[in-house]
Amino acid sequence: MTPNEPPGGDAHGVVTIKSPHPFADTVERLKTALHAKSIKLFASIDQQSEATAVGLQMPPTVLLIFGNPKGGTPLMVARPLSGLDLPLKALISEARPGEVLVSVNSAEYLIHRHDLPAEFLANLAPIEQLIRNTLSAV
């Protein structure tokens, strides 16, 4: 890590996890896992469909916007600008056929970006493990 690189993920704080499942299955698995953990799915944006609606083409891409107000509200109270990154988001994409990727901001990056107290890491960190577990399940 370079001195200017935020902790966690790549230089932009993004963690990308490869899914062994087809695109549509990956999206549904993540939605199901969020629901099972009582994490509210605020929106599911099918960006490929939106592009098609205006005559453009793009690979399969869905943005899930989700969170738990009980976990996120304390962060926004502590640092109101953290609301720019909350609720959390997961981008599921298939830029190359058969290569399904799920990308999220790392918890460490969000803590660093908003100068939040380290104790708030516990509010954010579990989502990355939830995604990893969901994608590794058969």
N, C-alpha and C. Protein backbone atom coordinates (compact mmCIF):
# COMPACT_ATOMS: atom_id res chain seq x y z
N MET A 1 0.85 -1.17 0.00
CA MET A 1 0.00 0.00 0.00
C MET A 1 0.90 1.24 0.00
N THR A 2 0.57 2.18 -0.87
CA THR A 2 1.33 3.43 -0.92
C THR A 2 0.79 4.37 0.14
N PRO A 3 1.57 5.41 0.49
CA PRO A 3 1.09 6.32 1.54
C PRO A 3 -0.24 7.00 1.22
N ASN A 4 -0.54 7.22 -0.06
CA ASN A 4 -1.79 7.90 -0.42
C ASN A 4 -2.94 6.95 -0.67
N GLU A 5 -2.68 5.66 -0.61
CA GLU A 5 -3.72 4.67 -0.89
C GLU A 5 -4.55 4.41 0.36
N PRO A 6 -5.88 4.52 0.22
CA PRO A 6 -6.72 4.24 1.37
C PRO A 6 -6.64 2.76 1.74
N PRO A 7 -6.85 2.43 3.00
CA PRO A 7 -6.78 1.03 3.41
C PRO A 7 -7.94 0.24 2.83
N GLY A 8 -7.70 -1.05 2.58
CA GLY A 8 -8.75 -1.95 2.10
C GLY A 8 -9.00 -1.81 0.62
N GLY A 9 -9.10 -2.91 -0.09
CA GLY A 9 -9.43 -2.88 -1.50
C GLY A 9 -8.31 -2.32 -2.34
N ASP A 10 -8.68 -1.88 -3.54
CA ASP A 10 -7.65 -1.32 -4.42
C ASP A 10 -7.44 0.15 -4.09
N ALA A 11 -6.75 0.88 -4.95
CA ALA A 11 -6.42 2.28 -4.68
C ALA A 11 -7.66 3.15 -4.52
N HIS A 12 -8.80 2.65 -4.95
CA HIS A 12 -10.04 3.42 -4.83
C HIS A 12 -10.94 2.88 -3.73
N GLY A 13 -10.45 1.94 -2.94
CA GLY A 13 -11.22 1.39 -1.83
C GLY A 13 -12.28 0.39 -2.24
N VAL A 14 -12.14 -0.16 -3.43
CA VAL A 14 -13.14 -1.10 -3.94
C VAL A 14 -12.65 -2.54 -3.77
N VAL A 15 -13.52 -3.38 -3.26
CA VAL A 15 -13.25 -4.81 -3.16
C VAL A 15 -14.10 -5.48 -4.24
N THR A 16 -13.46 -6.29 -5.08
CA THR A 16 -14.18 -7.01 -6.13
C THR A 16 -14.01 -8.51 -5.91
N ILE A 17 -15.13 -9.19 -5.93
CA ILE A 17 -15.17 -10.62 -5.67
C ILE A 17 -15.75 -11.31 -6.91
N LYS A 18 -15.04 -12.31 -7.40
CA LYS A 18 -15.51 -13.05 -8.57
C LYS A 18 -16.55 -14.07 -8.13
N SER A 19 -17.64 -14.11 -8.87
CA SER A 19 -18.70 -15.07 -8.56
C SER A 19 -18.55 -16.29 -9.45
N PRO A 20 -18.68 -17.49 -8.88
CA PRO A 20 -18.64 -18.71 -9.69
C PRO A 20 -20.01 -19.01 -10.32
N HIS A 21 -20.99 -18.18 -10.04
CA HIS A 21 -22.36 -18.40 -10.48
C HIS A 21 -22.70 -17.52 -11.69
N PRO A 22 -23.66 -17.94 -12.50
CA PRO A 22 -24.10 -17.08 -13.61
C PRO A 22 -24.62 -15.74 -13.09
N PHE A 23 -24.67 -14.76 -13.97
CA PHE A 23 -25.04 -13.40 -13.59
C PHE A 23 -26.37 -13.34 -12.83
N ALA A 24 -27.45 -13.84 -13.46
CA ALA A 24 -28.77 -13.75 -12.83
C ALA A 24 -28.81 -14.48 -11.49
N ASP A 25 -28.15 -15.62 -11.40
CA ASP A 25 -28.09 -16.37 -10.14
C ASP A 25 -27.35 -15.56 -9.06
N THR A 26 -26.27 -14.89 -9.46
CA THR A 26 -25.51 -14.08 -8.50
C THR A 26 -26.39 -12.98 -7.93
N VAL A 27 -27.11 -12.29 -8.80
CA VAL A 27 -28.01 -11.21 -8.34
C VAL A 27 -29.04 -11.78 -7.37
N GLU A 28 -29.68 -12.87 -7.74
CA GLU A 28 -30.71 -13.45 -6.86
C GLU A 28 -30.14 -13.97 -5.55
N ARG A 29 -28.97 -14.58 -5.59
CA ARG A 29 -28.33 -15.07 -4.36
C ARG A 29 -28.07 -13.91 -3.40
N LEU A 30 -27.58 -12.80 -3.94
CA LEU A 30 -27.29 -11.65 -3.08
C LEU A 30 -28.57 -11.06 -2.50
N LYS A 31 -29.60 -10.94 -3.31
CA LYS A 31 -30.88 -10.43 -2.80
C LYS A 31 -31.41 -11.33 -1.69
N THR A 32 -31.34 -12.63 -1.91
CA THR A 32 -31.82 -13.59 -0.92
C THR A 32 -31.01 -13.50 0.37
N ALA A 33 -29.69 -13.38 0.24
CA ALA A 33 -28.82 -13.30 1.42
C ALA A 33 -29.11 -12.02 2.22
N LEU A 34 -29.32 -10.91 1.52
CA LEU A 34 -29.65 -9.66 2.22
C LEU A 34 -30.95 -9.81 2.98
N HIS A 35 -31.95 -10.37 2.32
CA HIS A 35 -33.24 -10.56 2.97
C HIS A 35 -33.12 -11.47 4.19
N ALA A 36 -32.35 -12.55 4.06
CA ALA A 36 -32.19 -13.51 5.15
C ALA A 36 -31.53 -12.87 6.37
N LYS A 37 -30.71 -11.85 6.15
CA LYS A 37 -30.03 -11.16 7.26
C LYS A 37 -30.77 -9.89 7.68
N SER A 38 -32.01 -9.72 7.20
CA SER A 38 -32.83 -8.54 7.52
C SER A 38 -32.14 -7.23 7.12
N ILE A 39 -31.45 -7.29 6.01
CA ILE A 39 -30.83 -6.09 5.44
C ILE A 39 -31.77 -5.61 4.35
N LYS A 40 -32.22 -4.39 4.47
CA LYS A 40 -33.23 -3.85 3.56
C LYS A 40 -32.63 -3.58 2.18
N LEU A 41 -33.29 -4.10 1.16
CA LEU A 41 -32.91 -3.80 -0.23
C LEU A 41 -33.75 -2.59 -0.64
N PHE A 42 -33.11 -1.43 -0.73
CA PHE A 42 -33.81 -0.20 -1.07
C PHE A 42 -34.10 -0.12 -2.56
N ALA A 43 -33.17 -0.63 -3.38
CA ALA A 43 -33.36 -0.56 -4.82
C ALA A 43 -32.47 -1.58 -5.52
N SER A 44 -32.97 -2.04 -6.65
CA SER A 44 -32.20 -2.89 -7.55
C SER A 44 -32.32 -2.23 -8.91
N ILE A 45 -31.22 -1.72 -9.41
CA ILE A 45 -31.23 -0.98 -10.67
C ILE A 45 -30.58 -1.82 -11.75
N ASP A 46 -31.37 -2.19 -12.74
CA ASP A 46 -30.87 -2.96 -13.87
C ASP A 46 -30.31 -1.95 -14.88
N GLN A 47 -29.03 -1.71 -14.80
CA GLN A 47 -28.43 -0.67 -15.62
C GLN A 47 -28.39 -1.06 -17.09
N GLN A 48 -28.29 -2.36 -17.38
CA GLN A 48 -28.33 -2.80 -18.77
C GLN A 48 -29.70 -2.47 -19.38
N SER A 49 -30.77 -2.74 -18.66
CA SER A 49 -32.12 -2.43 -19.16
C SER A 49 -32.31 -0.93 -19.36
N GLU A 50 -31.79 -0.14 -18.44
CA GLU A 50 -31.91 1.31 -18.56
C GLU A 50 -31.15 1.81 -19.79
N ALA A 51 -29.98 1.23 -20.04
CA ALA A 51 -29.20 1.60 -21.24
C ALA A 51 -29.97 1.22 -22.50
N THR A 52 -30.53 0.02 -22.51
CA THR A 52 -31.29 -0.45 -23.68
C THR A 52 -32.48 0.47 -23.94
N ALA A 53 -33.11 0.96 -22.88
CA ALA A 53 -34.28 1.82 -23.02
C ALA A 53 -33.97 3.13 -23.75
N VAL A 54 -32.71 3.54 -23.76
CA VAL A 54 -32.34 4.77 -24.47
C VAL A 54 -31.48 4.47 -25.70
N GLY A 55 -31.54 3.21 -26.15
CA GLY A 55 -30.87 2.84 -27.38
C GLY A 55 -29.38 2.57 -27.26
N LEU A 56 -28.90 2.34 -26.05
CA LEU A 56 -27.49 2.05 -25.84
C LEU A 56 -27.32 0.60 -25.40
N GLN A 57 -26.11 0.10 -25.57
CA GLN A 57 -25.82 -1.27 -25.16
C GLN A 57 -24.76 -1.28 -24.08
N MET A 58 -24.91 -2.20 -23.16
CA MET A 58 -23.89 -2.44 -22.15
C MET A 58 -24.05 -3.86 -21.65
N PRO A 59 -22.99 -4.42 -21.09
CA PRO A 59 -23.09 -5.78 -20.55
C PRO A 59 -24.04 -5.82 -19.36
N PRO A 60 -24.45 -7.02 -18.95
CA PRO A 60 -25.32 -7.15 -17.77
C PRO A 60 -24.69 -6.45 -16.56
N THR A 61 -25.45 -5.56 -15.97
CA THR A 61 -24.98 -4.78 -14.82
C THR A 61 -26.18 -4.43 -13.95
N VAL A 62 -26.09 -4.76 -12.67
CA VAL A 62 -27.14 -4.44 -11.71
C VAL A 62 -26.49 -3.79 -10.50
N LEU A 63 -27.11 -2.72 -10.02
CA LEU A 63 -26.66 -2.06 -8.81
C LEU A 63 -27.69 -2.32 -7.71
N LEU A 64 -27.23 -2.95 -6.63
CA LEU A 64 -28.09 -3.16 -5.47
C LEU A 64 -27.76 -2.09 -4.44
N ILE A 65 -28.78 -1.45 -3.91
CA ILE A 65 -28.63 -0.44 -2.87
C ILE A 65 -29.33 -0.98 -1.64
N PHE A 66 -28.58 -1.13 -0.56
CA PHE A 66 -29.10 -1.84 0.60
C PHE A 66 -28.50 -1.31 1.89
N GLY A 67 -29.11 -1.66 2.99
CA GLY A 67 -28.54 -1.27 4.27
C GLY A 67 -29.47 -1.62 5.42
N ASN A 68 -29.01 -1.24 6.58
CA ASN A 68 -29.75 -1.43 7.80
C ASN A 68 -29.70 -0.11 8.55
N PRO A 69 -30.81 0.61 8.61
CA PRO A 69 -30.79 1.91 9.27
C PRO A 69 -30.21 1.86 10.70
N LYS A 70 -30.39 0.73 11.37
CA LYS A 70 -29.84 0.59 12.73
C LYS A 70 -28.31 0.66 12.70
N GLY A 71 -27.70 0.13 11.65
CA GLY A 71 -26.25 0.15 11.53
C GLY A 71 -25.71 1.42 10.88
N GLY A 72 -26.44 1.95 9.90
CA GLY A 72 -25.95 3.09 9.14
C GLY A 72 -26.22 4.44 9.77
N THR A 73 -27.34 4.57 10.47
CA THR A 73 -27.70 5.86 11.06
C THR A 73 -26.63 6.41 12.00
N PRO A 74 -26.05 5.60 12.89
CA PRO A 74 -25.02 6.14 13.77
C PRO A 74 -23.82 6.74 12.99
N LEU A 75 -23.50 6.16 11.84
CA LEU A 75 -22.41 6.70 11.03
C LEU A 75 -22.78 8.06 10.48
N MET A 76 -24.02 8.18 10.00
CA MET A 76 -24.47 9.46 9.43
C MET A 76 -24.64 10.53 10.50
N VAL A 77 -24.99 10.11 11.71
CA VAL A 77 -25.08 11.08 12.81
C VAL A 77 -23.68 11.58 13.16
N ALA A 78 -22.71 10.65 13.20
CA ALA A 78 -21.33 11.02 13.52
C ALA A 78 -20.71 11.88 12.43
N ARG A 79 -20.96 11.53 11.18
CA ARG A 79 -20.40 12.25 10.03
C ARG A 79 -21.47 12.30 8.94
N PRO A 80 -22.26 13.38 8.91
CA PRO A 80 -23.36 13.46 7.96
C PRO A 80 -22.98 13.19 6.50
N LEU A 81 -21.78 13.56 6.09
CA LEU A 81 -21.39 13.32 4.70
C LEU A 81 -21.23 11.84 4.36
N SER A 82 -21.18 10.98 5.38
CA SER A 82 -21.11 9.55 5.08
C SER A 82 -22.38 9.09 4.37
N GLY A 83 -23.43 9.90 4.45
CA GLY A 83 -24.66 9.62 3.72
C GLY A 83 -24.46 9.59 2.21
N LEU A 84 -23.35 10.13 1.74
CA LEU A 84 -23.04 10.02 0.31
C LEU A 84 -22.76 8.58 -0.07
N ASP A 85 -22.26 7.78 0.86
CA ASP A 85 -21.92 6.38 0.61
C ASP A 85 -22.87 5.40 1.27
N LEU A 86 -23.86 5.91 1.97
CA LEU A 86 -24.85 5.06 2.63
C LEU A 86 -26.21 5.42 2.07
N PRO A 87 -27.07 4.46 1.83
CA PRO A 87 -26.88 3.06 2.08
C PRO A 87 -25.75 2.48 1.23
N LEU A 88 -25.39 1.26 1.57
CA LEU A 88 -24.31 0.58 0.86
C LEU A 88 -24.77 0.15 -0.53
N LYS A 89 -23.79 -0.12 -1.39
CA LYS A 89 -24.10 -0.52 -2.76
C LYS A 89 -23.22 -1.70 -3.15
N ALA A 90 -23.78 -2.56 -4.01
CA ALA A 90 -23.00 -3.65 -4.62
C ALA A 90 -23.29 -3.59 -6.12
N LEU A 91 -22.23 -3.58 -6.91
CA LEU A 91 -22.35 -3.57 -8.36
C LEU A 91 -22.04 -4.98 -8.86
N ILE A 92 -23.01 -5.58 -9.52
CA ILE A 92 -22.81 -6.91 -10.11
C ILE A 92 -22.70 -6.68 -11.60
N SER A 93 -21.60 -7.17 -12.18
CA SER A 93 -21.37 -6.92 -13.60
C SER A 93 -20.80 -8.16 -14.28
N GLU A 94 -21.01 -8.21 -15.58
CA GLU A 94 -20.47 -9.28 -16.41
C GLU A 94 -19.90 -8.64 -17.68
N ALA A 95 -18.78 -7.93 -17.52
CA ALA A 95 -18.18 -7.22 -18.64
C ALA A 95 -17.70 -8.18 -19.72
N ARG A 96 -17.22 -9.35 -19.27
CA ARG A 96 -16.83 -10.42 -20.20
C ARG A 96 -17.73 -11.61 -19.95
N PRO A 97 -18.23 -12.24 -21.01
CA PRO A 97 -19.12 -13.38 -20.81
C PRO A 97 -18.52 -14.43 -19.86
N GLY A 98 -19.33 -14.81 -18.87
CA GLY A 98 -18.91 -15.83 -17.92
C GLY A 98 -18.08 -15.30 -16.76
N GLU A 99 -17.72 -14.02 -16.77
CA GLU A 99 -16.94 -13.46 -15.66
C GLU A 99 -17.83 -12.48 -14.89
N VAL A 100 -18.44 -12.99 -13.84
CA VAL A 100 -19.36 -12.20 -13.03
C VAL A 100 -18.60 -11.67 -11.83
N LEU A 101 -18.66 -10.35 -11.64
CA LEU A 101 -17.93 -9.69 -10.56
C LEU A 101 -18.90 -8.93 -9.67
N VAL A 102 -18.64 -8.95 -8.38
CA VAL A 102 -19.40 -8.17 -7.41
C VAL A 102 -18.42 -7.21 -6.75
N SER A 103 -18.71 -5.92 -6.85
CA SER A 103 -17.82 -4.90 -6.30
C SER A 103 -18.54 -4.06 -5.25
N VAL A 104 -17.83 -3.81 -4.15
CA VAL A 104 -18.36 -2.98 -3.06
C VAL A 104 -17.23 -2.09 -2.54
N ASN A 105 -17.61 -0.99 -1.93
CA ASN A 105 -16.60 -0.20 -1.21
C ASN A 105 -16.19 -0.98 0.02
N SER A 106 -14.89 -1.02 0.30
CA SER A 106 -14.45 -1.72 1.51
C SER A 106 -14.85 -0.92 2.74
N ALA A 107 -15.10 -1.64 3.82
CA ALA A 107 -15.45 -0.99 5.08
C ALA A 107 -14.33 -0.05 5.53
N GLU A 108 -13.09 -0.52 5.38
CA GLU A 108 -11.94 0.29 5.79
C GLU A 108 -11.88 1.60 5.00
N TYR A 109 -12.18 1.50 3.71
CA TYR A 109 -12.18 2.70 2.87
C TYR A 109 -13.22 3.70 3.36
N LEU A 110 -14.43 3.21 3.65
CA LEU A 110 -15.49 4.12 4.10
C LEU A 110 -15.14 4.77 5.43
N ILE A 111 -14.55 4.01 6.33
CA ILE A 111 -14.11 4.57 7.61
C ILE A 111 -13.06 5.65 7.36
N HIS A 112 -12.11 5.35 6.50
CA HIS A 112 -11.03 6.29 6.16
C HIS A 112 -11.60 7.53 5.45
N ARG A 113 -12.43 7.31 4.44
CA ARG A 113 -12.98 8.41 3.63
C ARG A 113 -13.74 9.42 4.48
N HIS A 114 -14.49 8.92 5.45
CA HIS A 114 -15.33 9.82 6.25
C HIS A 114 -14.77 10.09 7.64
N ASP A 115 -13.52 9.65 7.87
CA ASP A 115 -12.86 9.88 9.15
C ASP A 115 -13.77 9.47 10.32
N LEU A 116 -14.32 8.28 10.18
CA LEU A 116 -15.21 7.75 11.21
C LEU A 116 -14.40 7.03 12.29
N PRO A 117 -14.88 7.03 13.51
CA PRO A 117 -14.20 6.27 14.56
C PRO A 117 -14.12 4.79 14.19
N ALA A 118 -13.03 4.16 14.55
CA ALA A 118 -12.77 2.75 14.21
C ALA A 118 -13.87 1.81 14.70
N GLU A 119 -14.55 2.17 15.77
CA GLU A 119 -15.59 1.27 16.29
C GLU A 119 -16.73 1.07 15.29
N PHE A 120 -16.89 2.00 14.34
CA PHE A 120 -17.95 1.86 13.33
C PHE A 120 -17.61 0.83 12.26
N LEU A 121 -16.40 0.35 12.26
CA LEU A 121 -16.02 -0.70 11.31
C LEU A 121 -16.94 -1.91 11.47
N ALA A 122 -17.34 -2.18 12.69
CA ALA A 122 -18.23 -3.33 12.96
C ALA A 122 -19.60 -3.16 12.30
N ASN A 123 -20.01 -1.93 12.01
CA ASN A 123 -21.29 -1.69 11.35
C ASN A 123 -21.21 -2.00 9.86
N LEU A 124 -19.99 -1.93 9.29
CA LEU A 124 -19.82 -2.05 7.84
C LEU A 124 -19.16 -3.34 7.38
N ALA A 125 -18.22 -3.83 8.15
CA ALA A 125 -17.37 -4.95 7.73
C ALA A 125 -18.13 -6.24 7.41
N PRO A 126 -19.20 -6.58 8.11
CA PRO A 126 -19.85 -7.87 7.84
C PRO A 126 -20.37 -8.05 6.42
N ILE A 127 -20.65 -6.98 5.70
CA ILE A 127 -21.24 -7.15 4.37
C ILE A 127 -20.29 -7.83 3.40
N GLU A 128 -19.02 -7.53 3.48
CA GLU A 128 -18.06 -8.17 2.57
C GLU A 128 -18.02 -9.67 2.82
N GLN A 129 -18.03 -10.08 4.07
CA GLN A 129 -18.03 -11.51 4.38
C GLN A 129 -19.34 -12.16 3.95
N LEU A 130 -20.45 -11.45 4.12
CA LEU A 130 -21.73 -11.98 3.68
C LEU A 130 -21.70 -12.24 2.17
N ILE A 131 -21.14 -11.32 1.41
CA ILE A 131 -21.06 -11.50 -0.04
C ILE A 131 -20.15 -12.68 -0.37
N ARG A 132 -18.99 -12.75 0.27
CA ARG A 132 -18.08 -13.88 0.02
C ARG A 132 -18.77 -15.22 0.33
N ASN A 133 -19.42 -15.30 1.47
CA ASN A 133 -20.11 -16.54 1.86
C ASN A 133 -21.22 -16.90 0.89
N THR A 134 -21.95 -15.89 0.45
CA THR A 134 -23.06 -16.11 -0.48
C THR A 134 -22.56 -16.62 -1.82
N LEU A 135 -21.46 -16.08 -2.29
CA LEU A 135 -20.93 -16.50 -3.59
C LEU A 135 -20.22 -17.84 -3.52
N SER A 136 -19.69 -18.19 -2.36
CA SER A 136 -18.98 -19.47 -2.25
C SER A 136 -19.94 -20.63 -2.00
N ALA A 137 -21.17 -20.33 -1.60
CA ALA A 137 -22.15 -21.39 -1.34
C ALA A 137 -22.53 -22.08 -2.65
N VAL A 138 -22.76 -23.37 -2.56
CA VAL A 138 -23.07 -24.15 -3.76
C VAL A 138 -24.51 -24.00 -4.15
